[in-house]
């Protein structure tokens, strides 16, 4: 049973906090066939299993994004990196997810390299203690052959991934797909075979792991870059996110402004 394994996010009978149709025969049939509204609800009742303790001193506007981008990147890093010495991590993309991946991987003691399409975000990555590599520079990619224990690909638009396969350690290195693009990845068979590459997907984290992540981030003073916005500005922010002009910020809606819509 996945829920008993702490993998509630993979349960076949799951119901999302947002935009899910509430199922029948789950003790609340008066709610069946209505949509879940999550943080947009005026009131919400939650089973204690799905309630997390926000560490003392952590602002709620920080805890919210950590329960999304934070646990999404923490989960694969906890599987493959945490508690191990001399680990190397690659991060493809340096938006909100990528920045969290860098911060968490560094806190776990890993050596981190950010992969980008150009050097536009090189200074930002280096400011967090990461190295930087341009994915289209064949000489640079060649110099990184068999380097990484884990690469987190956070890019949410279609892109080439065959070039970075050779930078993973044979058989032990793993490429983790986080971006969730709708189109199939074009993965060439021979690079996969010759490099002994493993590929996996990852999806947020279970309840216990989410609490672990909050405690870890609090202990290591890790927080996302956030901007608190009025609910009326949400659509404009979505356009910024869509055209990649929002940077690495996480935008947090001040819930009381919903009443003013």
Protein backbone atom coordinates (compact mmCIF):
# COMPACT_ATOMS: atom_id res chain seq x y z
CA UNK A 1 0.00 0.00 0.00
CA UNK A 2 1.61 3.23 -1.16
CA UNK A 3 0.10 5.34 1.61
CA UNK A 4 1.59 3.06 4.26
CA UNK A 5 4.96 3.42 2.52
CA UNK A 6 4.85 7.21 2.86
CA UNK A 7 4.11 7.66 -0.85
CA UNK A 8 0.68 9.23 -0.50
CA UNK A 9 1.30 11.38 -3.58
CA UNK A 10 1.28 8.23 -5.75
CA UNK A 11 -1.93 6.72 -4.35
CA UNK A 12 -4.28 5.60 -7.12
CA UNK A 13 -7.22 7.02 -5.15
CA UNK A 14 -5.64 10.38 -4.40
CA UNK A 15 -7.58 13.62 -4.22
CA UNK A 16 -5.60 16.79 -4.85
CA UNK A 17 -5.91 19.80 -2.58
CA UNK A 18 -6.69 21.89 -5.64
CA UNK A 19 -8.92 21.16 -8.65
CA UNK A 20 -9.86 17.57 -7.90
CA UNK A 21 -13.36 16.15 -7.96
CA UNK A 22 -14.09 14.96 -4.41
CA UNK A 23 -14.65 11.18 -4.58
CA UNK A 24 -17.66 9.24 -3.39
CA UNK A 25 -17.59 6.70 -0.56
CA UNK A 26 -14.90 8.56 1.39
CA UNK A 27 -17.02 9.43 4.44
CA UNK A 28 -18.06 12.82 3.04
CA UNK A 29 -20.57 12.07 0.31
CA UNK A 30 -22.12 15.51 0.81
CA UNK A 31 -18.90 16.80 -0.82
CA UNK A 32 -18.87 14.24 -3.64
CA UNK A 33 -18.79 15.62 -7.18
CA UNK A 34 -17.65 19.06 -6.00
CA UNK A 35 -14.24 20.57 -6.69
CA UNK A 36 -11.52 20.97 -4.07
CA UNK A 37 -10.38 24.58 -3.66
CA UNK A 38 -7.37 24.21 -1.38
CA UNK A 39 -6.00 27.51 -0.14
CA UNK A 40 -8.74 29.38 -1.94
CA UNK A 41 -11.34 27.87 0.40
CA UNK A 42 -12.98 30.00 3.08
CA UNK A 43 -12.83 27.00 5.43
CA UNK A 44 -11.13 23.62 5.14
CA UNK A 45 -11.14 20.44 7.23
CA UNK A 46 -8.09 18.22 6.87
CA UNK A 47 -7.19 14.85 8.36
CA UNK A 48 -4.30 15.24 10.80
CA UNK A 49 -2.17 12.98 8.62
CA UNK A 50 -2.06 15.71 5.98
CA UNK A 51 -1.29 18.59 8.34
CA UNK A 52 2.32 19.70 8.72
CA UNK A 53 3.95 21.54 11.58
CA UNK A 54 5.56 24.75 10.42
CA UNK A 55 8.81 25.17 12.36
CA UNK A 56 8.77 28.00 14.87
CA UNK A 57 9.97 31.20 13.28
CA UNK A 58 9.32 30.11 9.68
CA UNK A 59 6.97 32.59 7.94
CA UNK A 60 3.89 31.03 6.36
CA UNK A 61 4.73 32.74 3.07
CA UNK A 62 7.96 30.71 3.10
CA UNK A 63 6.37 27.44 4.21
CA UNK A 64 3.83 27.48 1.37
CA UNK A 65 6.34 27.45 -1.52
CA UNK A 66 8.52 24.98 0.36
CA UNK A 67 5.59 22.54 0.37
CA UNK A 68 5.63 22.75 -3.43
CA UNK A 69 9.02 23.59 -4.98
CA UNK A 70 10.84 22.66 -1.78
CA UNK A 71 9.60 19.10 -1.42
CA UNK A 72 9.61 18.54 -5.19
CA UNK A 73 13.39 19.02 -5.27
CA UNK A 74 14.09 17.68 -1.77
CA UNK A 75 12.47 14.32 -2.53
CA UNK A 76 14.94 13.07 -5.20
CA UNK A 77 17.87 14.62 -3.37
CA UNK A 78 16.86 12.78 -0.20
CA UNK A 79 16.74 9.52 -2.20
CA UNK A 80 20.04 9.90 -4.00
CA UNK A 81 22.24 12.44 -2.19
CA UNK A 82 21.41 13.05 1.47
CA UNK A 83 23.72 11.37 3.96
CA UNK A 84 26.35 10.47 1.35
CA UNK A 85 29.82 11.96 0.95
CA UNK A 86 31.49 13.46 -2.13
CA UNK A 87 28.29 13.64 -4.18
CA UNK A 88 27.91 15.70 -7.34
CA UNK A 89 24.60 17.17 -8.47
CA UNK A 90 23.61 18.82 -11.73
CA UNK A 91 20.60 21.12 -11.99
CA UNK A 92 19.09 21.87 -15.40
CA UNK A 93 17.27 25.20 -15.31
CA UNK A 94 17.57 27.95 -12.72
CA UNK A 95 14.04 29.13 -12.12
CA UNK A 96 12.13 28.61 -8.88
CA UNK A 97 12.64 24.84 -8.81
CA UNK A 98 16.26 25.05 -9.92
CA UNK A 99 17.17 27.58 -7.25
CA UNK A 100 15.60 25.43 -4.54
CA UNK A 101 17.45 22.38 -5.87
CA UNK A 102 20.77 24.22 -5.64
CA UNK A 103 20.14 25.46 -2.11
CA UNK A 104 19.05 22.06 -0.82
CA UNK A 105 21.80 20.09 -2.58
CA UNK A 106 24.44 22.48 -1.24
CA UNK A 107 23.03 22.08 2.28
CA UNK A 108 23.37 18.31 1.87
CA UNK A 109 27.07 18.79 1.17
CA UNK A 110 27.02 18.12 -2.57
CA UNK A 111 29.07 19.86 -5.25
CA UNK A 112 26.54 21.47 -7.58
CA UNK A 113 26.63 22.55 -11.21
CA UNK A 114 23.81 24.47 -12.91
CA UNK A 115 23.18 23.78 -16.59
CA UNK A 116 21.81 26.69 -18.63
CA UNK A 117 21.16 27.56 -22.29
CA UNK A 118 23.42 30.61 -21.98
CA UNK A 119 25.50 32.37 -19.33
CA UNK A 120 22.62 34.72 -18.44
CA UNK A 121 22.19 33.19 -14.97
CA UNK A 122 25.81 32.25 -14.34
CA UNK A 123 26.41 34.98 -11.74
CA UNK A 124 23.21 34.07 -9.87
CA UNK A 125 24.19 30.39 -9.74
CA UNK A 126 27.72 31.18 -8.59
CA UNK A 127 26.34 33.47 -5.88
CA UNK A 128 24.76 30.34 -4.34
CA UNK A 129 28.06 28.44 -4.52
CA UNK A 130 27.29 26.45 -7.69
CA UNK A 131 29.38 26.00 -10.81
CA UNK A 132 27.80 26.80 -14.17
CA UNK A 133 27.86 25.02 -17.53
CA UNK A 134 26.28 25.97 -20.85
CA UNK A 135 24.44 22.92 -22.17
CA UNK A 136 25.17 23.71 -25.82
CA UNK A 137 28.94 24.02 -25.30
CA UNK A 138 30.19 20.61 -26.44
CA UNK A 139 33.67 21.16 -25.02
CA UNK A 140 32.29 21.95 -21.57
CA UNK A 141 29.87 19.00 -21.64
CA UNK A 142 32.71 16.75 -22.78
CA UNK A 143 34.85 17.84 -19.85
CA UNK A 144 32.07 16.77 -17.45
CA UNK A 145 31.84 13.18 -18.67
CA UNK A 146 30.90 10.63 -15.96
CA UNK A 147 30.78 13.38 -13.31
CA UNK A 148 27.32 13.49 -11.76
CA UNK A 149 25.60 11.22 -9.28
CA UNK A 150 22.28 12.94 -9.92
CA UNK A 151 20.93 15.53 -12.34
CA UNK A 152 17.62 17.26 -11.61
CA UNK A 153 15.98 18.52 -14.79
CA UNK A 154 13.57 21.28 -13.74
CA UNK A 155 12.83 22.77 -17.17
CA UNK A 156 9.12 22.83 -17.99
CA UNK A 157 9.36 23.32 -21.77
CA UNK A 158 10.52 20.88 -24.41
CA UNK A 159 14.31 20.69 -24.64
CA UNK A 160 17.21 18.45 -25.64
CA UNK A 161 18.46 16.07 -22.93
CA UNK A 162 20.75 13.71 -24.83
CA UNK A 163 23.74 16.02 -24.40
CA UNK A 164 23.80 15.71 -20.62
CA UNK A 165 23.41 11.93 -20.50
CA UNK A 166 27.16 11.42 -20.86
CA UNK A 167 27.81 13.56 -17.77
CA UNK A 168 26.17 10.99 -15.48
CA UNK A 169 28.17 8.30 -13.73
CA UNK A 170 27.66 4.90 -15.34
CA UNK A 171 24.74 2.92 -13.85
CA UNK A 172 24.78 4.81 -10.53
CA UNK A 173 24.06 8.24 -12.00
CA UNK A 174 20.40 9.13 -12.45
CA UNK A 175 18.59 11.79 -14.47
CA UNK A 176 15.50 12.96 -12.58
CA UNK A 177 12.73 14.58 -14.61
CA UNK A 178 10.81 17.24 -12.70
CA UNK A 179 9.65 19.76 -15.30
CA UNK A 180 6.66 17.74 -16.46
CA UNK A 181 6.51 18.71 -20.13
CA UNK A 182 3.59 17.23 -22.13
CA UNK A 183 5.65 16.25 -25.18
CA UNK A 184 7.66 13.00 -25.15
CA UNK A 185 11.40 13.36 -24.62
CA UNK A 186 13.49 12.35 -27.63
CA UNK A 187 15.97 10.01 -25.98
CA UNK A 188 18.55 8.35 -28.22
CA UNK A 189 19.14 4.67 -27.46
CA UNK A 190 22.89 4.46 -27.99
CA UNK A 191 23.85 7.24 -25.53
CA UNK A 192 21.64 5.55 -22.94
CA UNK A 193 23.29 2.18 -23.62
CA UNK A 194 26.90 3.39 -23.78
CA UNK A 195 26.56 5.54 -20.67
CA UNK A 196 24.49 3.15 -18.55
CA UNK A 197 22.02 5.93 -17.84
CA UNK A 198 19.04 5.73 -15.50
CA UNK A 199 16.06 8.05 -15.86
CA UNK A 200 13.29 8.57 -13.32
CA UNK A 201 10.43 10.91 -12.65
CA UNK A 202 9.59 12.46 -9.31
CA UNK A 203 6.44 14.03 -7.87
CA UNK A 204 6.35 16.20 -4.72
CA UNK A 205 6.73 14.00 -1.60
CA UNK A 206 4.81 11.98 0.93
CA UNK A 207 3.60 13.35 4.26
CA UNK A 208 6.57 12.26 6.37
CA UNK A 209 9.06 13.50 3.78
CA UNK A 210 7.31 16.86 3.53
CA UNK A 211 7.67 17.38 7.27
CA UNK A 212 11.30 16.26 7.06
CA UNK A 213 11.88 18.82 4.30
CA UNK A 214 10.37 21.66 6.33
CA UNK A 215 12.55 20.80 9.31
CA UNK A 216 15.65 20.45 7.12
CA UNK A 217 15.09 23.79 5.40
CA UNK A 218 14.49 25.51 8.72
CA UNK A 219 17.65 24.02 10.24
CA UNK A 220 19.72 25.10 7.23
CA UNK A 221 18.02 28.49 6.82
CA UNK A 222 16.82 27.63 3.32
CA UNK A 223 13.99 29.68 1.87
CA UNK A 224 12.70 30.46 -1.63
CA UNK A 225 12.82 33.90 -3.18
CA UNK A 226 9.25 35.12 -2.76
CA UNK A 227 7.03 38.04 -3.63
CA UNK A 228 3.67 38.49 -1.92
CA UNK A 229 0.97 39.65 -4.31
CA UNK A 230 -2.68 40.73 -4.32
CA UNK A 231 -5.08 38.15 -5.75
CA UNK A 232 -6.01 40.56 -8.57
CA UNK A 233 -2.42 40.39 -9.83
CA UNK A 234 -2.37 36.60 -10.20
CA UNK A 235 -3.21 36.60 -13.92
CA UNK A 236 -0.40 39.05 -14.73
CA UNK A 237 2.03 36.90 -12.77
CA UNK A 238 0.91 33.79 -14.67
CA UNK A 239 1.79 35.58 -17.92
CA UNK A 240 5.24 36.38 -16.50
CA UNK A 241 5.76 32.76 -15.53
CA UNK A 242 4.63 31.64 -18.97
CA UNK A 243 7.09 33.88 -20.83
CA UNK A 244 9.95 33.19 -18.35
CA UNK A 245 10.24 36.82 -17.25
CA UNK A 246 9.47 36.14 -13.59
CA UNK A 247 12.93 34.86 -12.72
CA UNK A 248 13.28 32.40 -9.85
CA UNK A 249 10.67 33.99 -7.58
CA UNK A 250 7.77 32.15 -6.01
CA UNK A 251 4.67 34.36 -5.96
CA UNK A 252 2.45 34.06 -2.90
CA UNK A 253 -1.13 35.34 -2.91
CA UNK A 254 -2.16 37.14 0.24
CA UNK A 255 -5.32 35.16 1.01
CA UNK A 256 -7.31 38.00 2.56
CA UNK A 257 -7.20 39.86 -0.77
CA UNK A 258 -9.45 37.18 -2.29
CA UNK A 259 -12.36 38.93 -0.60
CA UNK A 260 -11.62 42.03 -2.66
CA UNK A 261 -11.99 40.27 -6.01
